[in-house]
Each structure stands twice: as C-alpha cells, then as structure tokens.
Amino acid sequence: NHLQKIDTALSDLSFQISYAADSGKASQPNIPFVIISLFVAIGIFIGLKKLYKYDPRAMNYQFAYDNLGGWMMLPILGLFFTPFRTLYQIYDGEYFNYIN
C-alpha cells in the first residue's frame, strides 16, 4: 500500500511541475523583468561607450631595463632547460621501444 502511494506520487510529480492550465489568452510579459533588462542594457551601452572613448595618458618613464636579473632569471632558466629535460625524459623513458 505504501509503495503504491510512492509510485502514484512520483508519477504525478512530473505532471504537477509542468502542467499549466490553458486560459485561452496570450501570456503577458513580465513587466519588472523588462524594466530591469532595459536599465541593464542602457548601463552596458553607456559603459562600453565610455570604455571605447577611454584614452589614458602615457606615463613618462625615466628608467630603462638594460639588463636581466632578479626574478626574470627563473623563467629564462626554465625556457632554456625545458627542451633538454624533455629530450632526456624521452630517451630515458624508452619512449621509442614500445613501437613494435
């Protein structure tokens, strides 16, 4: 008896969620949603227009980077040693021995 009630509830559940009575007239738009969407669209348009016209003033740089040092050495070393490490891993891992 209990299992039948559960089956009935589960079978009626999908109809209860998706069923809407046909009133015979066309649905009306959601006015608050339309107003909020209009304000958001206007705000996006104004923001994109300001962003398009934005032209920041260039800074006067009084120094130049003539040498490499500090933290820039780590990416340079990584870029330099990566091909050698990759070739070593291919050679040491017997990559080409599995072609048979």
PDB file of N, CA and C in Angstrom:
ATOM      1  N   ASN A   1       0.825  -1.187   0.000  1.00  0.00           N
ATOM      2  CA  ASN A   1       0.000   0.000   0.000  1.00  0.00           C
ATOM      3  C   ASN A   1       0.876   1.259   0.000  1.00  0.00           C
ATOM      4  N   HIS A   2       1.901   1.253   0.842  1.00  0.00           N
ATOM      5  CA  HIS A   2       2.800   2.405   0.913  1.00  0.00           C
ATOM      6  C   HIS A   2       3.581   2.577  -0.395  1.00  0.00           C
ATOM      7  N   LEU A   3       4.043   1.486  -0.979  1.00  0.00           N
ATOM      8  CA  LEU A   3       4.785   1.560  -2.236  1.00  0.00           C
ATOM      9  C   LEU A   3       3.908   2.061  -3.371  1.00  0.00           C
ATOM     10  N   GLN A   4       2.638   1.698  -3.350  1.00  0.00           N
ATOM     11  CA  GLN A   4       1.730   2.197  -4.378  1.00  0.00           C
ATOM     12  C   GLN A   4       1.540   3.700  -4.262  1.00  0.00           C
ATOM     13  N   LYS A   5       1.471   4.200  -3.030  1.00  0.00           N
ATOM     14  CA  LYS A   5       1.324   5.645  -2.820  1.00  0.00           C
ATOM     15  C   LYS A   5       2.580   6.389  -3.299  1.00  0.00           C
ATOM     16  N   ILE A   6       3.752   5.806  -3.059  1.00  0.00           N
ATOM     17  CA  ILE A   6       5.001   6.417  -3.524  1.00  0.00           C
ATOM     18  C   ILE A   6       5.040   6.440  -5.042  1.00  0.00           C
ATOM     19  N   ASP A   7       4.658   5.344  -5.684  1.00  0.00           N
ATOM     20  CA  ASP A   7       4.618   5.295  -7.152  1.00  0.00           C
ATOM     21  C   ASP A   7       3.632   6.303  -7.709  1.00  0.00           C
ATOM     22  N   THR A   8       2.490   6.436  -7.074  1.00  0.00           N
ATOM     23  CA  THR A   8       1.493   7.414  -7.522  1.00  0.00           C
ATOM     24  C   THR A   8       2.033   8.835  -7.375  1.00  0.00           C
ATOM     25  N   ALA A   9       2.680   9.123  -6.259  1.00  0.00           N
ATOM     26  CA  ALA A   9       3.237  10.455  -6.042  1.00  0.00           C
ATOM     27  C   ALA A   9       4.336  10.761  -7.054  1.00  0.00           C
ATOM     28  N   LEU A  10       5.198   9.779  -7.327  1.00  0.00           N
ATOM     29  CA  LEU A  10       6.270  10.002  -8.292  1.00  0.00           C
ATOM     30  C   LEU A  10       5.735  10.161  -9.706  1.00  0.00           C
ATOM     31  N   SER A  11       4.703   9.427 -10.062  1.00  0.00           N
ATOM     32  CA  SER A  11       4.154   9.561 -11.409  1.00  0.00           C
ATOM     33  C   SER A  11       3.397  10.873 -11.576  1.00  0.00           C
ATOM     34  N   ASP A  12       2.784  11.379 -10.517  1.00  0.00           N
ATOM     35  CA  ASP A  12       2.062  12.652 -10.587  1.00  0.00           C
ATOM     36  C   ASP A  12       2.997  13.851 -10.477  1.00  0.00           C
ATOM     37  N   LEU A  13       4.197  13.624  -9.991  1.00  0.00           N
ATOM     38  CA  LEU A  13       5.111  14.740  -9.756  1.00  0.00           C
ATOM     39  C   LEU A  13       5.471  15.467 -11.038  1.00  0.00           C
ATOM     40  N   SER A  14       5.783  14.736 -12.100  1.00  0.00           N
ATOM     41  CA  SER A  14       6.186  15.399 -13.345  1.00  0.00           C
ATOM     42  C   SER A  14       5.028  16.186 -13.939  1.00  0.00           C
ATOM     43  N   PHE A  15       3.796  15.726 -13.757  1.00  0.00           N
ATOM     44  CA  PHE A  15       2.655  16.459 -14.286  1.00  0.00           C
ATOM     45  C   PHE A  15       2.372  17.713 -13.462  1.00  0.00           C
ATOM     46  N   GLN A  16       2.614  17.652 -12.189  1.00  0.00           N
ATOM     47  CA  GLN A  16       2.356  18.807 -11.335  1.00  0.00           C
ATOM     48  C   GLN A  16       3.356  19.927 -11.594  1.00  0.00           C
ATOM     49  N   ILE A  17       4.592  19.578 -11.909  1.00  0.00           N
ATOM     50  CA  ILE A  17       5.619  20.594 -12.149  1.00  0.00           C
ATOM     51  C   ILE A  17       5.403  21.271 -13.495  1.00  0.00           C
ATOM     52  N   SER A  18       5.028  20.517 -14.510  1.00  0.00           N
ATOM     53  CA  SER A  18       4.975  21.074 -15.846  1.00  0.00           C
ATOM     54  C   SER A  18       3.574  21.437 -16.321  1.00  0.00           C
ATOM     55  N   TYR A  19       2.554  21.143 -15.572  1.00  0.00           N
ATOM     56  CA  TYR A  19       1.190  21.386 -16.027  1.00  0.00           C
ATOM     57  C   TYR A  19       0.799  22.828 -15.752  1.00  0.00           C
ATOM     58  N   ALA A  20       0.236  23.475 -16.748  1.00  0.00           N
ATOM     59  CA  ALA A  20      -0.317  24.825 -16.577  1.00  0.00           C
ATOM     60  C   ALA A  20      -1.650  24.856 -17.293  1.00  0.00           C
ATOM     61  N   ALA A  21      -2.639  25.364 -16.622  1.00  0.00           N
ATOM     62  CA  ALA A  21      -3.983  25.413 -17.212  1.00  0.00           C
ATOM     63  C   ALA A  21      -4.001  26.391 -18.375  1.00  0.00           C
ATOM     64  N   ASP A  22      -4.660  26.015 -19.450  1.00  0.00           N
ATOM     65  CA  ASP A  22      -4.762  26.882 -20.623  1.00  0.00           C
ATOM     66  C   ASP A  22      -5.881  27.880 -20.393  1.00  0.00           C
ATOM     67  N   SER A  23      -5.525  29.144 -20.273  1.00  0.00           N
ATOM     68  CA  SER A  23      -6.525  30.168 -20.003  1.00  0.00           C
ATOM     69  C   SER A  23      -7.154  30.702 -21.280  1.00  0.00           C
ATOM     70  N   GLY A  24      -6.628  30.377 -22.429  1.00  0.00           N
ATOM     71  CA  GLY A  24      -7.191  30.812 -23.690  1.00  0.00           C
ATOM     72  C   GLY A  24      -6.700  32.162 -24.161  1.00  0.00           C
ATOM     73  N   LYS A  25      -5.904  32.864 -23.362  1.00  0.00           N
ATOM     74  CA  LYS A  25      -5.368  34.164 -23.789  1.00  0.00           C
ATOM     75  C   LYS A  25      -3.843  34.106 -23.805  1.00  0.00           C
ATOM     76  N   ALA A  26      -3.270  35.020 -24.547  1.00  0.00           N
ATOM     77  CA  ALA A  26      -1.815  35.055 -24.669  1.00  0.00           C
ATOM     78  C   ALA A  26      -1.199  35.514 -23.353  1.00  0.00           C
ATOM     79  N   SER A  27      -0.030  34.977 -23.055  1.00  0.00           N
ATOM     80  CA  SER A  27       0.643  35.374 -21.819  1.00  0.00           C
ATOM     81  C   SER A  27       1.207  36.782 -21.963  1.00  0.00           C
ATOM     82  N   GLN A  28       1.258  37.490 -20.849  1.00  0.00           N
ATOM     83  CA  GLN A  28       1.762  38.860 -20.841  1.00  0.00           C
ATOM     84  C   GLN A  28       3.217  38.855 -20.399  1.00  0.00           C
ATOM     85  N   PRO A  29       3.992  39.805 -20.895  1.00  0.00           N
ATOM     86  CA  PRO A  29       5.400  39.842 -20.480  1.00  0.00           C
ATOM     87  C   PRO A  29       5.528  40.246 -19.014  1.00  0.00           C
ATOM     88  N   ASN A  30       6.608  39.831 -18.429  1.00  0.00           N
ATOM     89  CA  ASN A  30       6.916  40.163 -17.044  1.00  0.00           C
ATOM     90  C   ASN A  30       7.456  41.591 -17.018  1.00  0.00           C
ATOM     91  N   ILE A  31       6.651  42.547 -16.615  1.00  0.00           N
ATOM     92  CA  ILE A  31       6.991  43.970 -16.688  1.00  0.00           C
ATOM     93  C   ILE A  31       8.227  44.307 -15.841  1.00  0.00           C
ATOM     94  N   PRO A  32       8.341  43.863 -14.584  1.00  0.00           N
ATOM     95  CA  PRO A  32       9.560  44.191 -13.828  1.00  0.00           C
ATOM     96  C   PRO A  32      10.826  43.660 -14.506  1.00  0.00           C
ATOM     97  N   PHE A  33      10.740  42.474 -15.077  1.00  0.00           N
ATOM     98  CA  PHE A  33      11.902  41.916 -15.773  1.00  0.00           C
ATOM     99  C   PHE A  33      12.259  42.756 -16.993  1.00  0.00           C
ATOM    100  N   VAL A  34      11.276  43.220 -17.727  1.00  0.00           N
ATOM    101  CA  VAL A  34      11.518  44.054 -18.908  1.00  0.00           C
ATOM    102  C   VAL A  34      12.153  45.376 -18.501  1.00  0.00           C
ATOM    103  N   ILE A  35      11.683  45.982 -17.417  1.00  0.00           N
ATOM    104  CA  ILE A  35      12.239  47.264 -16.956  1.00  0.00           C
ATOM    105  C   ILE A  35      13.681  47.087 -16.492  1.00  0.00           C
ATOM    106  N   ILE A  36      13.932  46.044 -15.699  1.00  0.00           N
ATOM    107  CA  ILE A  36      15.300  45.799 -15.224  1.00  0.00           C
ATOM    108  C   ILE A  36      16.220  45.503 -16.398  1.00  0.00           C
ATOM    109  N   SER A  37      15.765  44.712 -17.362  1.00  0.00           N
ATOM    110  CA  SER A  37      16.589  44.413 -18.534  1.00  0.00           C
ATOM    111  C   SER A  37      16.895  45.660 -19.344  1.00  0.00           C
ATOM    112  N   LEU A  38      15.942  46.561 -19.447  1.00  0.00           N
ATOM    113  CA  LEU A  38      16.159  47.817 -20.167  1.00  0.00           C
ATOM    114  C   LEU A  38      17.229  48.659 -19.479  1.00  0.00           C
ATOM    115  N   PHE A  39      17.148  48.783 -18.149  1.00  0.00           N
ATOM    116  CA  PHE A  39      18.160  49.551 -17.418  1.00  0.00           C
ATOM    117  C   PHE A  39      19.545  48.912 -17.532  1.00  0.00           C
ATOM    118  N   VAL A  40      19.597  47.589 -17.469  1.00  0.00           N
ATOM    119  CA  VAL A  40      20.890  46.897 -17.598  1.00  0.00           C
ATOM    120  C   VAL A  40      21.465  47.109 -18.994  1.00  0.00           C
ATOM    121  N   ALA A  41      20.629  47.014 -20.023  1.00  0.00           N
ATOM    122  CA  ALA A  41      21.111  47.220 -21.393  1.00  0.00           C
ATOM    123  C   ALA A  41      21.613  48.642 -21.589  1.00  0.00           C
ATOM    124  N   ILE A  42      20.898  49.623 -21.038  1.00  0.00           N
ATOM    125  CA  ILE A  42      21.348  51.017 -21.146  1.00  0.00           C
ATOM    126  C   ILE A  42      22.661  51.201 -20.403  1.00  0.00           C
ATOM    127  N   GLY A  43      22.798  50.605 -19.214  1.00  0.00           N
ATOM    128  CA  GLY A  43      24.047  50.707 -18.448  1.00  0.00           C
ATOM    129  C   GLY A  43      25.214  50.069 -19.179  1.00  0.00           C
ATOM    130  N   ILE A  44      24.983  48.932 -19.793  1.00  0.00           N
ATOM    131  CA  ILE A  44      26.050  48.273 -20.555  1.00  0.00           C
ATOM    132  C   ILE A  44      26.446  49.124 -21.749  1.00  0.00           C
ATOM    133  N   PHE A  45      25.467  49.692 -22.432  1.00  0.00           N
ATOM    134  CA  PHE A  45      25.759  50.539 -23.590  1.00  0.00           C
ATOM    135  C   PHE A  45      26.586  51.757 -23.186  1.00  0.00           C
ATOM    136  N   ILE A  46      26.191  52.435 -22.103  1.00  0.00           N
ATOM    137  CA  ILE A  46      26.938  53.612 -21.647  1.00  0.00           C
ATOM    138  C   ILE A  46      28.344  53.216 -21.201  1.00  0.00           C
ATOM    139  N   GLY A  47      28.469  52.090 -20.478  1.00  0.00           N
ATOM    140  CA  GLY A  47      29.788  51.647 -20.030  1.00  0.00           C
ATOM    141  C   GLY A  47      30.699  51.292 -21.186  1.00  0.00           C
ATOM    142  N   LEU A  48      30.181  50.603 -22.193  1.00  0.00           N
ATOM    143  CA  LEU A  48      31.012  50.248 -23.344  1.00  0.00           C
ATOM    144  C   LEU A  48      31.397  51.478 -24.161  1.00  0.00           C
ATOM    145  N   LYS A  49      30.501  52.463 -24.216  1.00  0.00           N
ATOM    146  CA  LYS A  49      30.822  53.701 -24.938  1.00  0.00           C
ATOM    147  C   LYS A  49      31.942  54.453 -24.225  1.00  0.00           C
ATOM    148  N   LYS A  50      31.880  54.536 -22.894  1.00  0.00           N
ATOM    149  CA  LYS A  50      32.952  55.186 -22.127  1.00  0.00           C
ATOM    150  C   LYS A  50      34.266  54.421 -22.269  1.00  0.00           C
ATOM    151  N   LEU A  51      34.189  53.089 -22.259  1.00  0.00           N
ATOM    152  CA  LEU A  51      35.389  52.287 -22.402  1.00  0.00           C
ATOM    153  C   LEU A  51      36.013  52.477 -23.779  1.00  0.00           C
ATOM    154  N   TYR A  52      35.185  52.608 -24.807  1.00  0.00           N
ATOM    155  CA  TYR A  52      35.697  52.808 -26.164  1.00  0.00           C
ATOM    156  C   TYR A  52      36.399  54.157 -26.294  1.00  0.00           C
ATOM    157  N   LYS A  53      35.877  55.169 -25.619  1.00  0.00           N
ATOM    158  CA  LYS A  53      36.463  56.519 -25.728  1.00  0.00           C
ATOM    159  C   LYS A  53      37.580  56.754 -24.722  1.00  0.00           C
ATOM    160  N   TYR A  54      37.838  55.814 -23.823  1.00  0.00           N
ATOM    161  CA  TYR A  54      38.851  55.997 -22.789  1.00  0.00           C
ATOM    162  C   TYR A  54      40.242  55.959 -23.414  1.00  0.00           C
ATOM    163  N   ASP A  55      41.021  56.986 -23.145  1.00  0.00           N
ATOM    164  CA  ASP A  55      42.381  57.080 -23.668  1.00  0.00           C
ATOM    165  C   ASP A  55      43.290  57.549 -22.536  1.00  0.00           C
ATOM    166  N   PRO A  56      43.915  56.628 -21.814  1.00  0.00           N
ATOM    167  CA  PRO A  56      44.740  57.043 -20.679  1.00  0.00           C
ATOM    168  C   PRO A  56      46.001  57.773 -21.140  1.00  0.00           C
ATOM    169  N   ARG A  57      46.440  58.674 -20.296  1.00  0.00           N
ATOM    170  CA  ARG A  57      47.653  59.430 -20.583  1.00  0.00           C
ATOM    171  C   ARG A  57      48.860  58.530 -20.379  1.00  0.00           C
ATOM    172  N   ALA A  58      49.806  58.599 -21.295  1.00  0.00           N
ATOM    173  CA  ALA A  58      51.017  57.788 -21.188  1.00  0.00           C
ATOM    174  C   ALA A  58      51.912  58.324 -20.075  1.00  0.00           C
ATOM    175  N   MET A  59      52.559  57.396 -19.377  1.00  0.00           N
ATOM    176  CA  MET A  59      53.464  57.805 -18.299  1.00  0.00           C
ATOM    177  C   MET A  59      54.828  58.168 -18.877  1.00  0.00           C
ATOM    178  N   ASN A  60      55.523  59.043 -18.185  1.00  0.00           N
ATOM    179  CA  ASN A  60      56.887  59.398 -18.572  1.00  0.00           C
ATOM    180  C   ASN A  60      57.846  58.461 -17.844  1.00  0.00           C
ATOM    181  N   TYR A  61      58.353  57.499 -18.572  1.00  0.00           N
ATOM    182  CA  TYR A  61      59.275  56.548 -17.977  1.00  0.00           C
ATOM    183  C   TYR A  61      60.675  57.148 -17.994  1.00  0.00           C
ATOM    184  N   GLN A  62      61.302  57.167 -16.824  1.00  0.00           N
ATOM    185  CA  GLN A  62      62.624  57.765 -16.711  1.00  0.00           C
ATOM    186  C   GLN A  62      63.707  56.714 -16.542  1.00  0.00           C
ATOM    187  N   PHE A  63      63.368  55.471 -16.629  1.00  0.00           N
ATOM    188  CA  PHE A  63      64.373  54.418 -16.482  1.00  0.00           C
ATOM    189  C   PHE A  63      64.161  53.391 -17.580  1.00  0.00           C
ATOM    190  N   ALA A  64      65.205  52.659 -17.844  1.00  0.00           N
ATOM    191  CA  ALA A  64      65.143  51.639 -18.890  1.00  0.00           C
ATOM    192  C   ALA A  64      65.648  50.321 -18.313  1.00  0.00           C
ATOM    193  N   TYR A  65      65.142  49.241 -18.859  1.00  0.00           N
ATOM    194  CA  TYR A  65      65.591  47.925 -18.435  1.00  0.00           C
ATOM    195  C   TYR A  65      66.699  47.481 -19.379  1.00  0.00           C
ATOM    196  N   ASP A  66      67.925  47.620 -18.938  1.00  0.00           N
ATOM    197  CA  ASP A  66      69.063  47.278 -19.775  1.00  0.00           C
ATOM    198  C   ASP A  66      69.596  45.878 -19.507  1.00  0.00           C
ATOM    199  N   ASN A  67      69.308  45.326 -18.345  1.00  0.00           N
ATOM    200  CA  ASN A  67      69.882  44.024 -18.028  1.00  0.00           C
ATOM    201  C   ASN A  67      68.797  43.085 -17.504  1.00  0.00           C
ATOM    202  N   LEU A  68      69.126  41.825 -17.496  1.00  0.00           N
ATOM    203  CA  LEU A  68      68.220  40.821 -16.974  1.00  0.00           C
ATOM    204  C   LEU A  68      68.734  40.366 -15.623  1.00  0.00           C
ATOM    205  N   GLY A  69      67.846  40.256 -14.668  1.00  0.00           N
ATOM    206  CA  GLY A  69      68.267  39.822 -13.340  1.00  0.00           C
ATOM    207  C   GLY A  69      67.063  39.647 -12.440  1.00  0.00           C
ATOM    208  N   GLY A  70      67.340  39.218 -11.226  1.00  0.00           N
ATOM    209  CA  GLY A  70      66.267  39.043 -10.265  1.00  0.00           C
ATOM    210  C   GLY A  70      65.371  37.881 -10.637  1.00  0.00           C
ATOM    211  N   TRP A  71      64.079  38.097 -10.525  1.00  0.00           N
ATOM    212  CA  TRP A  71      63.101  37.048 -10.779  1.00  0.00           C
ATOM    213  C   TRP A  71      63.013  36.679 -12.251  1.00  0.00           C
ATOM    214  N   MET A  72      63.466  37.519 -13.144  1.00  0.00           N
ATOM    215  CA  MET A  72      63.409  37.200 -14.572  1.00  0.00           C
ATOM    216  C   MET A  72      64.324  36.027 -14.930  1.00  0.00           C
ATOM    217  N   MET A  73      65.283  35.729 -14.066  1.00  0.00           N
ATOM    218  CA  MET A  73      66.179  34.617 -14.354  1.00  0.00           C
ATOM    219  C   MET A  73      65.466  33.269 -14.259  1.00  0.00           C
ATOM    220  N   LEU A  74      64.458  33.143 -13.420  1.00  0.00           N
ATOM    221  CA  LEU A  74      63.766  31.858 -13.279  1.00  0.00           C
ATOM    222  C   LEU A  74      63.038  31.450 -14.563  1.00  0.00           C
ATOM    223  N   PRO A  75      62.223  32.313 -15.177  1.00  0.00           N
ATOM    224  CA  PRO A  75      61.607  31.882 -16.439  1.00  0.00           C
ATOM    225  C   PRO A  75      62.623  31.667 -17.552  1.00  0.00           C
ATOM    226  N   ILE A  76      63.691  32.457 -17.549  1.00  0.00           N
ATOM    227  CA  ILE A  76      64.724  32.286 -18.582  1.00  0.00           C
ATOM    228  C   ILE A  76      65.388  30.925 -18.440  1.00  0.00           C
ATOM    229  N   LEU A  77      65.724  30.542 -17.208  1.00  0.00           N
ATOM    230  CA  LEU A  77      66.329  29.231 -16.976  1.00  0.00           C
ATOM    231  C   LEU A  77      65.351  28.116 -17.333  1.00  0.00           C
ATOM    232  N   GLY A  78      64.071  28.294 -16.993  1.00  0.00           N
ATOM    233  CA  GLY A  78      63.081  27.283 -17.336  1.00  0.00           C
ATOM    234  C   GLY A  78      62.939  27.114 -18.835  1.00  0.00           C
ATOM    235  N   LEU A  79      62.896  28.209 -19.581  1.00  0.00           N
ATOM    236  CA  LEU A  79      62.790  28.129 -21.033  1.00  0.00           C
ATOM    237  C   LEU A  79      64.039  27.518 -21.659  1.00  0.00           C
ATOM    238  N   PHE A  80      65.178  27.749 -21.059  1.00  0.00           N
ATOM    239  CA  PHE A  80      66.425  27.224 -21.601  1.00  0.00           C
ATOM    240  C   PHE A  80      66.557  25.723 -21.353  1.00  0.00           C
ATOM    241  N   PHE A  81      66.222  25.265 -20.139  1.00  0.00           N
ATOM    242  CA  PHE A  81      66.465  23.866 -19.782  1.00  0.00           C
ATOM    243  C   PHE A  81      65.312  22.922 -20.124  1.00  0.00           C
ATOM    244  N   THR A  82      64.131  23.421 -20.429  1.00  0.00           N
ATOM    245  CA  THR A  82      62.988  22.551 -20.709  1.00  0.00           C
ATOM    246  C   THR A  82      63.205  21.643 -21.915  1.00  0.00           C
ATOM    247  N   PRO A  83      63.724  22.112 -23.050  1.00  0.00           N
ATOM    248  CA  PRO A  83      63.939  21.174 -24.167  1.00  0.00           C
ATOM    249  C   PRO A  83      64.925  20.061 -23.828  1.00  0.00           C
ATOM    250  N   PHE A  84      65.970  20.381 -23.080  1.00  0.00           N
ATOM    251  CA  PHE A  84      66.946  19.357 -22.703  1.00  0.00           C
ATOM    252  C   PHE A  84      66.328  18.333 -21.766  1.00  0.00           C
ATOM    253  N   ARG A  85      65.521  18.793 -20.817  1.00  0.00           N
ATOM    254  CA  ARG A  85      64.866  17.877 -19.895  1.00  0.00           C
ATOM    255  C   ARG A  85      63.861  16.983 -20.624  1.00  0.00           C
ATOM    256  N   THR A  86      63.152  17.544 -21.581  1.00  0.00           N
ATOM    257  CA  THR A  86      62.184  16.760 -22.350  1.00  0.00           C
ATOM    258  C   THR A  86      62.887  15.694 -23.177  1.00  0.00           C
ATOM    259  N   LEU A  87      63.974  16.056 -23.824  1.00  0.00           N
ATOM    260  CA  LEU A  87      64.729  15.072 -24.603  1.00  0.00           C
ATOM    261  C   LEU A  87      65.289  13.973 -23.710  1.00  0.00           C
ATOM    262  N   TYR A  88      65.762  14.327 -22.530  1.00  0.00           N
ATOM    263  CA  TYR A  88      66.283  13.326 -21.603  1.00  0.00           C
ATOM    264  C   TYR A  88      65.176  12.380 -21.157  1.00  0.00           C
ATOM    265  N   GLN A  89      63.982  12.899 -20.867  1.00  0.00           N
ATOM    266  CA  GLN A  89      62.880  12.040 -20.439  1.00  0.00           C
ATOM    267  C   GLN A  89      62.438  11.107 -21.556  1.00  0.00           C
ATOM    268  N   ILE A  90      62.444  11.580 -22.786  1.00  0.00           N
ATOM    269  CA  ILE A  90      62.100  10.718 -23.914  1.00  0.00           C
ATOM    270  C   ILE A  90      63.136   9.609 -24.071  1.00  0.00           C
ATOM    271  N   TYR A  91      64.421   9.957 -23.948  1.00  0.00           N
ATOM    272  CA  TYR A  91      65.498   8.980 -24.094  1.00  0.00           C
ATOM    273  C   TYR A  91      65.508   7.994 -22.925  1.00  0.00           C
ATOM    274  N   ASP A  92      65.392   8.498 -21.697  1.00  0.00           N
ATOM    275  CA  ASP A  92      65.499   7.670 -20.511  1.00  0.00           C
ATOM    276  C   ASP A  92      64.243   6.813 -20.305  1.00  0.00           C
ATOM    277  N   GLY A  93      63.106   7.283 -20.732  1.00  0.00           N
ATOM    278  CA  GLY A  93      61.869   6.547 -20.526  1.00  0.00           C
ATOM    279  C   GLY A  93      61.610   5.484 -21.558  1.00  0.00           C
ATOM    280  N   GLU A  94      62.538   5.257 -22.452  1.00  0.00           N
ATOM    281  CA  GLU A  94      62.421   4.248 -23.500  1.00  0.00           C
ATOM    282  C   GLU A  94      61.116   4.449 -24.278  1.00  0.00           C
ATOM    283  N   TYR A  95      60.894   5.650 -24.669  1.00  0.00           N
ATOM    284  CA  TYR A  95      59.666   6.037 -25.364  1.00  0.00           C
ATOM    285  C   TYR A  95      59.514   5.304 -26.686  1.00  0.00           C
ATOM    286  N   PHE A  96      60.600   5.169 -27.419  1.00  0.00           N
ATOM    287  CA  PHE A  96      60.530   4.570 -28.745  1.00  0.00           C
ATOM    288  C   PHE A  96      60.640   3.045 -28.740  1.00  0.00           C
ATOM    289  N   ASN A  97      60.786   2.427 -27.585  1.00  0.00           N
ATOM    290  CA  ASN A  97      60.873   0.972 -27.526  1.00  0.00           C
ATOM    291  C   ASN A  97      59.507   0.301 -27.612  1.00  0.00           C
ATOM    292  N   TYR A  98      58.418   1.056 -27.483  1.00  0.00           N
ATOM    293  CA  TYR A  98      57.083   0.473 -27.491  1.00  0.00           C
ATOM    294  C   TYR A  98      56.425   0.544 -28.883  1.00  0.00           C
ATOM    295  N   ILE A  99      57.177   0.828 -29.915  1.00  0.00           N
ATOM    296  CA  ILE A  99      56.627   0.974 -31.268  1.00  0.00           C
ATOM    297  C   ILE A  99      56.316  -0.380 -31.863  1.00  0.00           C
ATOM    298  N   ASN A 100      56.944  -1.424 -31.426  1.00  0.00           N
ATOM    299  CA  ASN A 100      56.759  -2.758 -32.022  1.00  0.00           C
ATOM    300  C   ASN A 100      55.335  -3.058 -32.105  1.00  0.00           C
TER     301      ASN A 100
END
